């Protein structure tokens, strides 16, 4: 029988847990991250990775920024310029 290689996680007190939950519930929606699994077209993934390398950002951060702009219509001037550059517009 194989032994589990997982080490038990650090236990926190009920009081600490309650404080962390309260803090999370008070956080703005944009500060709460949700893990999802999805498929995107390879050319989009490639473009995001290329821009990530150019700008020093993570591709997930860029993807989130572009989704926010498209879905919530939250766009600032620097985002518009970045989108135009990524699309090859002048």
Protein backbone atom coordinates (compact mmCIF):
# COMPACT_ATOMS: atom_id res chain seq x y z
CA UNK A 1 0.00 0.00 0.00
CA UNK A 2 1.34 3.38 -1.01
CA UNK A 3 1.71 6.08 1.61
CA UNK A 4 0.15 9.42 0.82
CA UNK A 5 2.80 12.00 0.02
CA UNK A 6 0.48 14.87 0.86
CA UNK A 7 1.33 16.75 4.00
CA UNK A 8 -1.50 18.09 6.10
CA UNK A 9 -2.20 21.76 5.47
CA UNK A 10 -1.78 24.44 8.08
CA UNK A 11 -4.83 24.55 10.30
CA UNK A 12 -6.29 27.91 11.15
CA UNK A 13 -8.56 28.76 14.01
CA UNK A 14 -12.30 29.17 13.54
CA UNK A 15 -11.83 32.85 14.35
CA UNK A 16 -9.21 33.28 11.60
CA UNK A 17 -11.41 31.40 9.15
CA UNK A 18 -14.36 33.62 9.99
CA UNK A 19 -12.24 36.76 9.44
CA UNK A 20 -11.02 35.46 6.06
CA UNK A 21 -14.57 34.64 4.96
CA UNK A 22 -15.79 38.10 6.01
CA UNK A 23 -12.90 39.71 4.13
CA UNK A 24 -13.70 37.70 0.98
CA UNK A 25 -17.39 38.57 1.15
CA UNK A 26 -16.57 42.29 1.38
CA UNK A 27 -14.11 42.21 -1.54
CA UNK A 28 -15.15 43.81 -4.82
CA UNK A 29 -16.19 41.23 -7.44
CA UNK A 30 -13.11 41.95 -9.55
CA UNK A 31 -10.88 40.84 -6.63
CA UNK A 32 -12.50 37.41 -6.38
CA UNK A 33 -11.00 34.88 -8.76
CA UNK A 34 -12.83 31.79 -10.03
CA UNK A 35 -11.03 28.83 -11.57
CA UNK A 36 -12.63 27.60 -14.79
CA UNK A 37 -11.65 25.24 -17.56
CA UNK A 38 -12.41 26.34 -21.08
CA UNK A 39 -11.13 26.02 -24.62
CA UNK A 40 -9.98 28.99 -26.69
CA UNK A 41 -8.77 29.05 -30.28
CA UNK A 42 -5.05 28.44 -30.64
CA UNK A 43 -4.44 31.69 -32.51
CA UNK A 44 -5.96 33.64 -29.60
CA UNK A 45 -3.80 31.74 -27.12
CA UNK A 46 -0.71 32.43 -29.25
CA UNK A 47 -1.51 36.14 -29.54
CA UNK A 48 -2.07 36.42 -25.79
CA UNK A 49 1.22 34.67 -25.07
CA UNK A 50 3.10 36.90 -27.52
CA UNK A 51 1.63 40.02 -25.94
CA UNK A 52 2.38 38.64 -22.48
CA UNK A 53 6.04 38.22 -23.44
CA UNK A 54 6.15 41.70 -24.95
CA UNK A 55 4.51 43.41 -21.98
CA UNK A 56 5.79 41.25 -19.12
CA UNK A 57 2.24 40.40 -18.02
CA UNK A 58 0.70 36.96 -17.62
CA UNK A 59 -1.49 35.79 -20.48
CA UNK A 60 -4.33 35.04 -18.04
CA UNK A 61 -4.24 38.65 -16.88
CA UNK A 62 -4.47 39.85 -20.47
CA UNK A 63 -7.30 37.44 -21.22
CA UNK A 64 -9.20 38.72 -18.18
CA UNK A 65 -8.59 42.34 -19.23
CA UNK A 66 -9.94 41.71 -22.72
CA UNK A 67 -12.94 39.76 -21.43
CA UNK A 68 -13.71 42.58 -19.00
CA UNK A 69 -13.54 45.10 -21.85
CA UNK A 70 -15.76 43.01 -24.12
CA UNK A 71 -18.32 41.82 -21.60
CA UNK A 72 -18.52 44.64 -19.08
CA UNK A 73 -17.54 47.42 -21.47
CA UNK A 74 -14.85 48.57 -19.00
CA UNK A 75 -12.21 49.97 -21.30
CA UNK A 76 -9.63 52.67 -20.71
CA UNK A 77 -7.49 54.41 -23.31
CA UNK A 78 -4.41 52.21 -22.75
CA UNK A 79 -6.56 49.08 -23.15
CA UNK A 80 -7.90 50.38 -26.48
CA UNK A 81 -4.36 51.02 -27.72
CA UNK A 82 -3.24 47.55 -26.61
CA UNK A 83 -6.21 45.91 -28.34
CA UNK A 84 -5.49 47.81 -31.57
CA UNK A 85 -1.82 46.80 -31.45
CA UNK A 86 -2.75 43.17 -30.77
CA UNK A 87 -5.10 43.23 -33.76
CA UNK A 88 -2.51 44.88 -35.98
CA UNK A 89 -4.48 48.11 -36.37
CA UNK A 90 -2.78 51.48 -36.63
